[in-house]
């Protein structure tokens, strides 16, 4: 019989299968060689968690565990720190997930801090690996997957990524190129820019692209553009993670980071000028303007 951990029930060892530590939006079930994270399906649960359903995290994929106080002292957060390169979801996200959308963060009431600390210590005692992982150790979201971007419908069946353009959103360059199909074997990685920031997109990085890919996602037939209500995190990120996992499984080159390709200085100046116009018109916030401007300048 599985035991749900409470202050009155503290197990003698975490190696006993079935012990469960329940928090807000998720519960961690401790197995002999892994932690099974089960996410709730409720209206208050982040949509990304609901989309993931559950995730099994082998101990060999974990670099460490932290326990930190929550807001106003009412909660505590126990967090698994995966090894770099161990999880395709975090690799695709490239640090863009907000704290509330972190699938490795378990939030509990403050009165359960002692229990959380106990499990954190027990979990640390199981860890033997550190440093970057040579391969993905956490599974990818199951295929088939699909989502609607602003300019296309993207689908992935495990072997081929397909983009079908929308006439209301796709640029003339994409219309001229026609609907696209990308076998996984031809890809080197993915570039995911969160839809919650300016110029969010999903770009497929092709292995053999001698002339390079267009700098702007709206001109690149290998990219789809997000926008308000399009390509939400809970749909586009699992999609990107599944593609990245398949690329690695096919023995392709390692994923390229989310940094955009370097641009011509004149192009960057034009983009900054356009960004300034959007800022003056009130279509871009001060924070978005500063962040994107710094991002563009860094590409020089």
C-alpha atoms as a PDB file:
ATOM      1  CA  UNK A   1       0.000   0.000   0.000  1.00  0.00           C
ATOM      2  CA  UNK A   2       1.389   3.376  -0.944  1.00  0.00           C
ATOM      3  CA  UNK A   3       1.903   5.873   1.828  1.00  0.00           C
ATOM      4  CA  UNK A   4       1.304   9.587   1.401  1.00  0.00           C
ATOM      5  CA  UNK A   5       3.860  11.341   3.555  1.00  0.00           C
ATOM      6  CA  UNK A   6       2.582  13.543   6.385  1.00  0.00           C
ATOM      7  CA  UNK A   7       4.220  14.973   9.472  1.00  0.00           C
ATOM      8  CA  UNK A   8       2.984  11.905  11.394  1.00  0.00           C
ATOM      9  CA  UNK A   9       4.286   9.469   8.791  1.00  0.00           C
ATOM     10  CA  UNK A  10       7.976   9.864   8.001  1.00  0.00           C
ATOM     11  CA  UNK A  11       9.394   6.761   6.318  1.00  0.00           C
ATOM     12  CA  UNK A  12      12.655   5.227   7.533  1.00  0.00           C
ATOM     13  CA  UNK A  13      14.069   4.991   4.018  1.00  0.00           C
ATOM     14  CA  UNK A  14      13.152   6.395   0.662  1.00  0.00           C
ATOM     15  CA  UNK A  15      14.144   3.165  -1.069  1.00  0.00           C
ATOM     16  CA  UNK A  16      10.771   1.724  -0.121  1.00  0.00           C
ATOM     17  CA  UNK A  17       8.766   2.038  -3.295  1.00  0.00           C
ATOM     18  CA  UNK A  18       5.515   3.940  -3.223  1.00  0.00           C
ATOM     19  CA  UNK A  19       6.217   6.749  -0.751  1.00  0.00           C
ATOM     20  CA  UNK A  20       4.510   9.911  -1.986  1.00  0.00           C
ATOM     21  CA  UNK A  21       5.160  13.551  -1.151  1.00  0.00           C
ATOM     22  CA  UNK A  22       2.167  15.612  -2.249  1.00  0.00           C
ATOM     23  CA  UNK A  23       2.277  19.352  -2.864  1.00  0.00           C
ATOM     24  CA  UNK A  24       0.327  21.949  -4.784  1.00  0.00           C
ATOM     25  CA  UNK A  25      -0.289  20.874  -8.396  1.00  0.00           C
ATOM     26  CA  UNK A  26       1.903  17.746  -8.197  1.00  0.00           C
ATOM     27  CA  UNK A  27       3.027  14.754  -6.159  1.00  0.00           C
ATOM     28  CA  UNK A  28       6.411  13.035  -6.117  1.00  0.00           C
ATOM     29  CA  UNK A  29       6.439   9.262  -5.841  1.00  0.00           C
ATOM     30  CA  UNK A  30       9.812   7.876  -4.796  1.00  0.00           C
ATOM     31  CA  UNK A  31      10.888   4.657  -6.467  1.00  0.00           C
ATOM     32  CA  UNK A  32      14.072   2.640  -6.002  1.00  0.00           C
ATOM     33  CA  UNK A  33      15.822   4.264  -8.968  1.00  0.00           C
ATOM     34  CA  UNK A  34      13.736   7.322  -9.871  1.00  0.00           C
ATOM     35  CA  UNK A  35      11.175   9.934  -8.877  1.00  0.00           C
ATOM     36  CA  UNK A  36       7.813   9.756 -10.620  1.00  0.00           C
ATOM     37  CA  UNK A  37       6.259  13.213 -10.800  1.00  0.00           C
ATOM     38  CA  UNK A  38       2.499  13.168 -11.271  1.00  0.00           C
ATOM     39  CA  UNK A  39       0.827  16.480 -12.109  1.00  0.00           C
ATOM     40  CA  UNK A  40      -2.735  17.308 -11.106  1.00  0.00           C
ATOM     41  CA  UNK A  41      -5.420  18.097 -13.660  1.00  0.00           C
ATOM     42  CA  UNK A  42      -7.213  21.037 -12.117  1.00  0.00           C
ATOM     43  CA  UNK A  43      -8.235  24.494 -13.167  1.00  0.00           C
ATOM     44  CA  UNK A  44      -5.466  26.014 -11.004  1.00  0.00           C
ATOM     45  CA  UNK A  45      -2.751  23.694 -12.253  1.00  0.00           C
ATOM     46  CA  UNK A  46      -0.418  25.292 -14.843  1.00  0.00           C
ATOM     47  CA  UNK A  47      -1.335  24.141 -18.342  1.00  0.00           C
ATOM     48  CA  UNK A  48       2.200  22.900 -19.007  1.00  0.00           C
ATOM     49  CA  UNK A  49       1.925  20.523 -16.059  1.00  0.00           C
ATOM     50  CA  UNK A  50      -1.410  19.230 -17.313  1.00  0.00           C
ATOM     51  CA  UNK A  51       0.050  18.697 -20.767  1.00  0.00           C
ATOM     52  CA  UNK A  52       2.985  16.719 -19.351  1.00  0.00           C
ATOM     53  CA  UNK A  53       0.777  14.493 -17.201  1.00  0.00           C
ATOM     54  CA  UNK A  54       3.633  12.734 -15.464  1.00  0.00           C
ATOM     55  CA  UNK A  55       7.412  12.463 -15.765  1.00  0.00           C
ATOM     56  CA  UNK A  56       9.825   9.818 -14.532  1.00  0.00           C
ATOM     57  CA  UNK A  57      13.163  11.270 -13.465  1.00  0.00           C
ATOM     58  CA  UNK A  58      15.974   8.726 -12.894  1.00  0.00           C
ATOM     59  CA  UNK A  59      18.309   9.522 -10.012  1.00  0.00           C
ATOM     60  CA  UNK A  60      21.196   9.535 -12.507  1.00  0.00           C
ATOM     61  CA  UNK A  61      19.538  12.545 -14.200  1.00  0.00           C
ATOM     62  CA  UNK A  62      19.601  14.612 -10.989  1.00  0.00           C
ATOM     63  CA  UNK A  63      22.492  16.879 -10.014  1.00  0.00           C
ATOM     64  CA  UNK A  64      21.066  18.182  -6.753  1.00  0.00           C
ATOM     65  CA  UNK A  65      18.048  19.153  -4.647  1.00  0.00           C
ATOM     66  CA  UNK A  66      17.227  22.514  -3.071  1.00  0.00           C
ATOM     67  CA  UNK A  67      14.683  23.697  -0.516  1.00  0.00           C
ATOM     68  CA  UNK A  68      13.720  27.370  -0.468  1.00  0.00           C
ATOM     69  CA  UNK A  69      11.038  29.438   1.309  1.00  0.00           C
ATOM     70  CA  UNK A  70       8.077  30.596  -0.725  1.00  0.00           C
ATOM     71  CA  UNK A  71       6.311  33.918  -0.837  1.00  0.00           C
ATOM     72  CA  UNK A  72       5.248  35.529   2.455  1.00  0.00           C
ATOM     73  CA  UNK A  73       6.529  32.529   4.360  1.00  0.00           C
ATOM     74  CA  UNK A  74       3.405  30.512   3.627  1.00  0.00           C
ATOM     75  CA  UNK A  75       5.018  27.874   1.443  1.00  0.00           C
ATOM     76  CA  UNK A  76       8.298  26.101   0.792  1.00  0.00           C
ATOM     77  CA  UNK A  77       9.575  24.785  -2.527  1.00  0.00           C
ATOM     78  CA  UNK A  78      11.498  21.565  -2.977  1.00  0.00           C
ATOM     79  CA  UNK A  79      13.229  21.504  -6.341  1.00  0.00           C
ATOM     80  CA  UNK A  80      15.078  18.853  -8.284  1.00  0.00           C
ATOM     81  CA  UNK A  81      18.029  20.251 -10.227  1.00  0.00           C
ATOM     82  CA  UNK A  82      18.464  18.107 -13.347  1.00  0.00           C
ATOM     83  CA  UNK A  83      21.917  17.608 -14.834  1.00  0.00           C
ATOM     84  CA  UNK A  84      22.537  19.765 -17.932  1.00  0.00           C
ATOM     85  CA  UNK A  85      21.554  17.824 -21.029  1.00  0.00           C
ATOM     86  CA  UNK A  86      19.479  15.247 -19.131  1.00  0.00           C
ATOM     87  CA  UNK A  87      16.008  16.551 -20.001  1.00  0.00           C
ATOM     88  CA  UNK A  88      14.931  17.488 -23.554  1.00  0.00           C
ATOM     89  CA  UNK A  89      12.194  19.761 -22.192  1.00  0.00           C
ATOM     90  CA  UNK A  90      14.624  21.949 -20.250  1.00  0.00           C
ATOM     91  CA  UNK A  91      17.138  21.869 -23.084  1.00  0.00           C
ATOM     92  CA  UNK A  92      14.511  23.170 -25.497  1.00  0.00           C
ATOM     93  CA  UNK A  93      13.312  25.762 -22.966  1.00  0.00           C
ATOM     94  CA  UNK A  94      16.876  27.093 -22.567  1.00  0.00           C
ATOM     95  CA  UNK A  95      16.121  28.846 -19.291  1.00  0.00           C
ATOM     96  CA  UNK A  96      12.966  30.596 -20.517  1.00  0.00           C
ATOM     97  CA  UNK A  97      10.459  28.927 -18.185  1.00  0.00           C
ATOM     98  CA  UNK A  98       9.034  31.068 -15.406  1.00  0.00           C
ATOM     99  CA  UNK A  99       9.268  29.874 -11.814  1.00  0.00           C
ATOM    100  CA  UNK A 100       5.577  28.991 -11.684  1.00  0.00           C
ATOM    101  CA  UNK A 101       5.972  26.817 -14.770  1.00  0.00           C
ATOM    102  CA  UNK A 102       9.002  24.868 -13.535  1.00  0.00           C
ATOM    103  CA  UNK A 103       8.051  21.159 -13.723  1.00  0.00           C
ATOM    104  CA  UNK A 104      10.754  20.251 -11.179  1.00  0.00           C
ATOM    105  CA  UNK A 105       9.510  22.544  -8.425  1.00  0.00           C
ATOM    106  CA  UNK A 106       7.189  21.086  -5.762  1.00  0.00           C
ATOM    107  CA  UNK A 107       5.455  23.697  -3.615  1.00  0.00           C
ATOM    108  CA  UNK A 108       4.180  22.677  -0.176  1.00  0.00           C
ATOM    109  CA  UNK A 109       2.589  24.464   2.810  1.00  0.00           C
ATOM    110  CA  UNK A 110       5.204  26.006   5.113  1.00  0.00           C
ATOM    111  CA  UNK A 111       4.181  23.718   7.982  1.00  0.00           C
ATOM    112  CA  UNK A 112       5.525  20.776   5.964  1.00  0.00           C
ATOM    113  CA  UNK A 113       9.035  22.204   5.715  1.00  0.00           C
ATOM    114  CA  UNK A 114      10.509  19.555   8.039  1.00  0.00           C
ATOM    115  CA  UNK A 115       9.059  16.791   5.921  1.00  0.00           C
ATOM    116  CA  UNK A 116      10.277  18.424   2.712  1.00  0.00           C
ATOM    117  CA  UNK A 117      13.750  18.805   4.194  1.00  0.00           C
ATOM    118  CA  UNK A 118      13.775  15.140   5.153  1.00  0.00           C
ATOM    119  CA  UNK A 119      12.891  14.008   1.659  1.00  0.00           C
ATOM    120  CA  UNK A 120      15.394  16.417   0.170  1.00  0.00           C
ATOM    121  CA  UNK A 121      18.163  14.890   2.288  1.00  0.00           C
ATOM    122  CA  UNK A 122      17.060  11.377   1.429  1.00  0.00           C
ATOM    123  CA  UNK A 123      17.001  12.178  -2.255  1.00  0.00           C
ATOM    124  CA  UNK A 124      20.492  13.705  -2.139  1.00  0.00           C
ATOM    125  CA  UNK A 125      21.779  10.501  -0.591  1.00  0.00           C
ATOM    126  CA  UNK A 126      20.700   8.625  -3.728  1.00  0.00           C
ATOM    127  CA  UNK A 127      22.638  10.851  -6.134  1.00  0.00           C
ATOM    128  CA  UNK A 128      25.903   9.636  -7.608  1.00  0.00           C
ATOM    129  CA  UNK A 129      26.226  11.557 -10.906  1.00  0.00           C
ATOM    130  CA  UNK A 130      27.131  15.156 -11.646  1.00  0.00           C
ATOM    131  CA  UNK A 131      28.076  17.312 -14.606  1.00  0.00           C
ATOM    132  CA  UNK A 132      26.483  17.338 -18.074  1.00  0.00           C
ATOM    133  CA  UNK A 133      24.713  14.186 -19.220  1.00  0.00           C
ATOM    134  CA  UNK A 134      25.926  12.590 -22.440  1.00  0.00           C
ATOM    135  CA  UNK A 135      22.382  11.675 -23.467  1.00  0.00           C
ATOM    136  CA  UNK A 136      18.800  12.457 -22.534  1.00  0.00           C
ATOM    137  CA  UNK A 137      17.833  10.549 -19.411  1.00  0.00           C
ATOM    138  CA  UNK A 138      14.286  11.893 -19.039  1.00  0.00           C
ATOM    139  CA  UNK A 139      11.746  10.902 -21.661  1.00  0.00           C
ATOM    140  CA  UNK A 140      10.196  13.296 -24.166  1.00  0.00           C
ATOM    141  CA  UNK A 141       6.468  14.092 -24.524  1.00  0.00           C
ATOM    142  CA  UNK A 142       4.668  11.440 -26.523  1.00  0.00           C
ATOM    143  CA  UNK A 143       3.947  11.953 -30.206  1.00  0.00           C
ATOM    144  CA  UNK A 144       1.986  12.701 -32.320  1.00  0.00           C
ATOM    145  CA  UNK A 145       1.927  16.373 -31.375  1.00  0.00           C
ATOM    146  CA  UNK A 146       0.574  19.505 -33.010  1.00  0.00           C
ATOM    147  CA  UNK A 147      -0.123  23.172 -32.329  1.00  0.00           C
ATOM    148  CA  UNK A 148      -1.221  26.315 -34.133  1.00  0.00           C
ATOM    149  CA  UNK A 149       1.279  29.103 -34.599  1.00  0.00           C
ATOM    150  CA  UNK A 150       0.343  32.516 -35.982  1.00  0.00           C
ATOM    151  CA  UNK A 151       1.418  31.589 -39.511  1.00  0.00           C
ATOM    152  CA  UNK A 152       1.099  27.792 -39.647  1.00  0.00           C
ATOM    153  CA  UNK A 153      -0.098  24.544 -38.188  1.00  0.00           C
ATOM    154  CA  UNK A 154       2.836  22.451 -36.984  1.00  0.00           C
ATOM    155  CA  UNK A 155       2.622  18.668 -36.655  1.00  0.00           C
ATOM    156  CA  UNK A 156       5.128  16.004 -35.614  1.00  0.00           C
ATOM    157  CA  UNK A 157       4.633  12.245 -35.887  1.00  0.00           C
ATOM    158  CA  UNK A 158       7.986  11.200 -34.460  1.00  0.00           C
ATOM    159  CA  UNK A 159       9.768  11.105 -37.799  1.00  0.00           C
ATOM    160  CA  UNK A 160       8.753  14.193 -39.771  1.00  0.00           C
ATOM    161  CA  UNK A 161       7.915  17.770 -38.781  1.00  0.00           C
ATOM    162  CA  UNK A 162       5.390  19.474 -41.065  1.00  0.00           C
ATOM    163  CA  UNK A 163       4.389  23.124 -41.394  1.00  0.00           C
ATOM    164  CA  UNK A 164       1.157  24.005 -43.220  1.00  0.00           C
ATOM    165  CA  UNK A 165       0.948  27.745 -43.793  1.00  0.00           C
ATOM    166  CA  UNK A 166      -2.083  29.907 -43.000  1.00  0.00           C
ATOM    167  CA  UNK A 167      -2.869  32.457 -45.666  1.00  0.00           C
ATOM    168  CA  UNK A 168      -3.844  34.964 -42.983  1.00  0.00           C
ATOM    169  CA  UNK A 169      -0.465  34.898 -41.247  1.00  0.00           C
ATOM    170  CA  UNK A 170       2.323  33.481 -43.399  1.00  0.00           C
ATOM    171  CA  UNK A 171       4.753  35.825 -45.141  1.00  0.00           C
ATOM    172  CA  UNK A 172       5.093  35.886 -48.928  1.00  0.00           C
ATOM    173  CA  UNK A 173       8.462  34.146 -48.571  1.00  0.00           C
ATOM    174  CA  UNK A 174       6.804  31.201 -46.856  1.00  0.00           C
ATOM    175  CA  UNK A 175       3.958  31.079 -49.373  1.00  0.00           C
ATOM    176  CA  UNK A 176       6.470  30.944 -52.196  1.00  0.00           C
ATOM    177  CA  UNK A 177       8.349  28.119 -50.481  1.00  0.00           C
ATOM    178  CA  UNK A 178       5.129  26.135 -49.983  1.00  0.00           C
ATOM    179  CA  UNK A 179       4.174  23.832 -47.122  1.00  0.00           C
ATOM    180  CA  UNK A 180       7.225  22.240 -45.545  1.00  0.00           C
ATOM    181  CA  UNK A 181       8.245  18.742 -44.403  1.00  0.00           C
ATOM    182  CA  UNK A 182      11.409  18.103 -42.394  1.00  0.00           C
ATOM    183  CA  UNK A 183      12.577  14.519 -41.724  1.00  0.00           C
ATOM    184  CA  UNK A 184      14.246  14.279 -38.313  1.00  0.00           C
ATOM    185  CA  UNK A 185      17.414  12.909 -39.922  1.00  0.00           C
ATOM    186  CA  UNK A 186      17.908  16.255 -41.690  1.00  0.00           C
ATOM    187  CA  UNK A 187      17.727  18.303 -38.490  1.00  0.00           C
ATOM    188  CA  UNK A 188      20.452  19.318 -36.079  1.00  0.00           C
ATOM    189  CA  UNK A 189      18.296  20.789 -33.331  1.00  0.00           C
ATOM    190  CA  UNK A 190      15.568  23.271 -32.482  1.00  0.00           C
ATOM    191  CA  UNK A 191      15.388  26.892 -31.377  1.00  0.00           C
ATOM    192  CA  UNK A 192      12.404  27.725 -29.166  1.00  0.00           C
ATOM    193  CA  UNK A 193      11.661  31.304 -28.177  1.00  0.00           C
ATOM    194  CA  UNK A 194       8.839  31.546 -25.659  1.00  0.00           C
ATOM    195  CA  UNK A 195       5.549  33.002 -26.920  1.00  0.00           C
ATOM    196  CA  UNK A 196       5.549  35.072 -23.727  1.00  0.00           C
ATOM    197  CA  UNK A 197       8.348  37.303 -25.058  1.00  0.00           C
ATOM    198  CA  UNK A 198       8.783  39.495 -28.124  1.00  0.00           C
ATOM    199  CA  UNK A 199       9.356  37.572 -31.386  1.00  0.00           C
ATOM    200  CA  UNK A 200       8.519  34.125 -30.010  1.00  0.00           C
ATOM    201  CA  UNK A 201       8.986  31.304 -32.496  1.00  0.00           C
ATOM    202  CA  UNK A 202       9.983  27.705 -33.129  1.00  0.00           C
ATOM    203  CA  UNK A 203      12.809  27.262 -35.621  1.00  0.00           C
ATOM    204  CA  UNK A 204      14.091  23.943 -36.934  1.00  0.00           C
ATOM    205  CA  UNK A 205      17.874  23.967 -37.333  1.00  0.00           C
ATOM    206  CA  UNK A 206      18.844  22.082 -40.458  1.00  0.00           C
ATOM    207  CA  UNK A 207      22.083  20.127 -40.596  1.00  0.00           C
ATOM    208  CA  UNK A 208      22.985  20.860 -44.214  1.00  0.00           C
ATOM    209  CA  UNK A 209      22.150  24.477 -44.846  1.00  0.00           C
ATOM    210  CA  UNK A 210      25.242  25.857 -46.520  1.00  0.00           C
ATOM    211  CA  UNK A 211      23.832  29.340 -47.159  1.00  0.00           C
ATOM    212  CA  UNK A 212      22.517  29.651 -43.600  1.00  0.00           C
ATOM    213  CA  UNK A 213      18.911  30.240 -42.558  1.00  0.00           C
ATOM    214  CA  UNK A 214      17.096  33.582 -42.737  1.00  0.00           C
ATOM    215  CA  UNK A 215      17.686  35.615 -39.589  1.00  0.00           C
ATOM    216  CA  UNK A 216      14.030  36.556 -39.153  1.00  0.00           C
ATOM    217  CA  UNK A 217      11.669  33.736 -38.250  1.00  0.00           C
ATOM    218  CA  UNK A 218       8.815  35.201 -40.296  1.00  0.00           C
ATOM    219  CA  UNK A 219      10.976  34.829 -43.437  1.00  0.00           C
ATOM    220  CA  UNK A 220      12.327  31.351 -42.643  1.00  0.00           C
ATOM    221  CA  UNK A 221      10.351  28.378 -44.063  1.00  0.00           C
ATOM    222  CA  UNK A 222      11.938  26.272 -41.309  1.00  0.00           C
ATOM    223  CA  UNK A 223      10.326  28.385 -38.578  1.00  0.00           C
ATOM    224  CA  UNK A 224       6.845  29.198 -37.327  1.00  0.00           C
ATOM    225  CA  UNK A 225       6.001  32.448 -35.561  1.00  0.00           C
ATOM    226  CA  UNK A 226       4.066  32.732 -32.319  1.00  0.00           C
ATOM    227  CA  UNK A 227       1.850  35.592 -31.242  1.00  0.00           C
ATOM    228  CA  UNK A 228      -0.947  36.476 -28.867  1.00  0.00           C
ATOM    229  CA  UNK A 229      -2.866  33.248 -28.331  1.00  0.00           C
ATOM    230  CA  UNK A 230      -0.679  31.247 -30.729  1.00  0.00           C
ATOM    231  CA  UNK A 231       1.979  28.673 -29.886  1.00  0.00           C
ATOM    232  CA  UNK A 232       1.308  28.673 -26.114  1.00  0.00           C
ATOM    233  CA  UNK A 233       4.041  27.262 -23.899  1.00  0.00           C
ATOM    234  CA  UNK A 234       2.095  24.131 -22.968  1.00  0.00           C
ATOM    235  CA  UNK A 235       1.749  23.208 -26.655  1.00  0.00           C
ATOM    236  CA  UNK A 236       4.855  24.523 -28.402  1.00  0.00           C
ATOM    237  CA  UNK A 237       7.461  23.593 -25.760  1.00  0.00           C
ATOM    238  CA  UNK A 238       6.539  19.876 -25.505  1.00  0.00           C
ATOM    239  CA  UNK A 239       6.510  19.875 -29.318  1.00  0.00           C
ATOM    240  CA  UNK A 240      10.025  21.345 -29.425  1.00  0.00           C
ATOM    241  CA  UNK A 241      11.232  18.882 -26.769  1.00  0.00           C
ATOM    242  CA  UNK A 242       9.866  15.897 -28.680  1.00  0.00           C
ATOM    243  CA  UNK A 243      11.591  17.023 -31.874  1.00  0.00           C
ATOM    244  CA  UNK A 244      14.863  17.624 -30.037  1.00  0.00           C
ATOM    245  CA  UNK A 245      14.670  14.197 -28.408  1.00  0.00           C
ATOM    246  CA  UNK A 246      14.066  12.552 -31.785  1.00  0.00           C
ATOM    247  CA  UNK A 247      16.985  14.451 -33.321  1.00  0.00           C
ATOM    248  CA  UNK A 248      19.326  13.151 -30.628  1.00  0.00           C
ATOM    249  CA  UNK A 249      17.900   9.644 -30.924  1.00  0.00           C
ATOM    250  CA  UNK A 250      18.598   9.674 -34.638  1.00  0.00           C
ATOM    251  CA  UNK A 251      22.220  10.415 -33.905  1.00  0.00           C
ATOM    252  CA  UNK A 252      22.150  13.954 -35.291  1.00  0.00           C
ATOM    253  CA  UNK A 253      24.439  16.701 -34.072  1.00  0.00           C
ATOM    254  CA  UNK A 254      23.882  18.222 -30.650  1.00  0.00           C
ATOM    255  CA  UNK A 255      21.164  20.816 -30.296  1.00  0.00           C
ATOM    256  CA  UNK A 256      22.126  24.413 -30.993  1.00  0.00           C
ATOM    257  CA  UNK A 257      21.385  26.900 -28.212  1.00  0.00           C
ATOM    258  CA  UNK A 258      18.473  29.312 -28.431  1.00  0.00           C
ATOM    259  CA  UNK A 259      20.713  32.191 -29.512  1.00  0.00           C
ATOM    260  CA  UNK A 260      19.663  33.639 -32.865  1.00  0.00           C
ATOM    261  CA  UNK A 261      22.072  33.581 -35.849  1.00  0.00           C
ATOM    262  CA  UNK A 262      24.305  36.637 -36.135  1.00  0.00           C
ATOM    263  CA  UNK A 263      22.928  39.400 -38.317  1.00  0.00           C
ATOM    264  CA  UNK A 264      24.321  42.142 -40.440  1.00  0.00           C
ATOM    265  CA  UNK A 265      24.824  45.374 -38.381  1.00  0.00           C
ATOM    266  CA  UNK A 266      22.540  47.286 -40.746  1.00  0.00           C
ATOM    267  CA  UNK A 267      19.809  44.700 -40.229  1.00  0.00           C
ATOM    268  CA  UNK A 268      20.180  44.934 -36.455  1.00  0.00           C
ATOM    269  CA  UNK A 269      19.958  48.727 -36.596  1.00  0.00           C
ATOM    270  CA  UNK A 270      16.762  48.468 -38.638  1.00  0.00           C
ATOM    271  CA  UNK A 271      15.266  45.973 -36.205  1.00  0.00           C
ATOM    272  CA  UNK A 272      16.071  48.241 -33.250  1.00  0.00           C
ATOM    273  CA  UNK A 273      14.502  51.216 -35.060  1.00  0.00           C
ATOM    274  CA  UNK A 274      11.333  49.169 -35.704  1.00  0.00           C
ATOM    275  CA  UNK A 275      11.334  47.983 -32.095  1.00  0.00           C
ATOM    276  CA  UNK A 276      11.543  51.609 -30.949  1.00  0.00           C
ATOM    277  CA  UNK A 277       8.513  52.505 -33.058  1.00  0.00           C
ATOM    278  CA  UNK A 278       6.521  49.677 -31.467  1.00  0.00           C
ATOM    279  CA  UNK A 279       7.647  50.870 -28.041  1.00  0.00           C
ATOM    280  CA  UNK A 280       6.591  54.456 -28.717  1.00  0.00           C
ATOM    281  CA  UNK A 281       3.226  53.218 -29.954  1.00  0.00           C
ATOM    282  CA  UNK A 282       2.690  51.351 -26.706  1.00  0.00           C
ATOM    283  CA  UNK A 283       2.712  47.922 -28.369  1.00  0.00           C
ATOM    284  CA  UNK A 284       5.868  46.815 -26.551  1.00  0.00           C
ATOM    285  CA  UNK A 285       6.452  47.296 -22.816  1.00  0.00           C
ATOM    286  CA  UNK A 286       9.540  48.976 -21.367  1.00  0.00           C
ATOM    287  CA  UNK A 287      10.803  45.628 -20.144  1.00  0.00           C
ATOM    288  CA  UNK A 288      10.281  43.951 -23.524  1.00  0.00           C
ATOM    289  CA  UNK A 289      11.958  46.858 -25.313  1.00  0.00           C
ATOM    290  CA  UNK A 290      15.043  46.801 -23.094  1.00  0.00           C
ATOM    291  CA  UNK A 291      15.349  43.033 -23.188  1.00  0.00           C
ATOM    292  CA  UNK A 292      14.991  42.727 -26.959  1.00  0.00           C
ATOM    293  CA  UNK A 293      17.298  45.688 -27.654  1.00  0.00           C
ATOM    294  CA  UNK A 294      20.021  44.128 -25.491  1.00  0.00           C
ATOM    295  CA  UNK A 295      19.454  40.816 -27.242  1.00  0.00           C
ATOM    296  CA  UNK A 296      19.880  42.389 -30.666  1.00  0.00           C
ATOM    297  CA  UNK A 297      22.999  44.320 -29.658  1.00  0.00           C
ATOM    298  CA  UNK A 298      24.540  41.114 -28.308  1.00  0.00           C
ATOM    299  CA  UNK A 299      24.369  39.649 -31.825  1.00  0.00           C
ATOM    300  CA  UNK A 300      26.862  42.173 -33.205  1.00  0.00           C
END
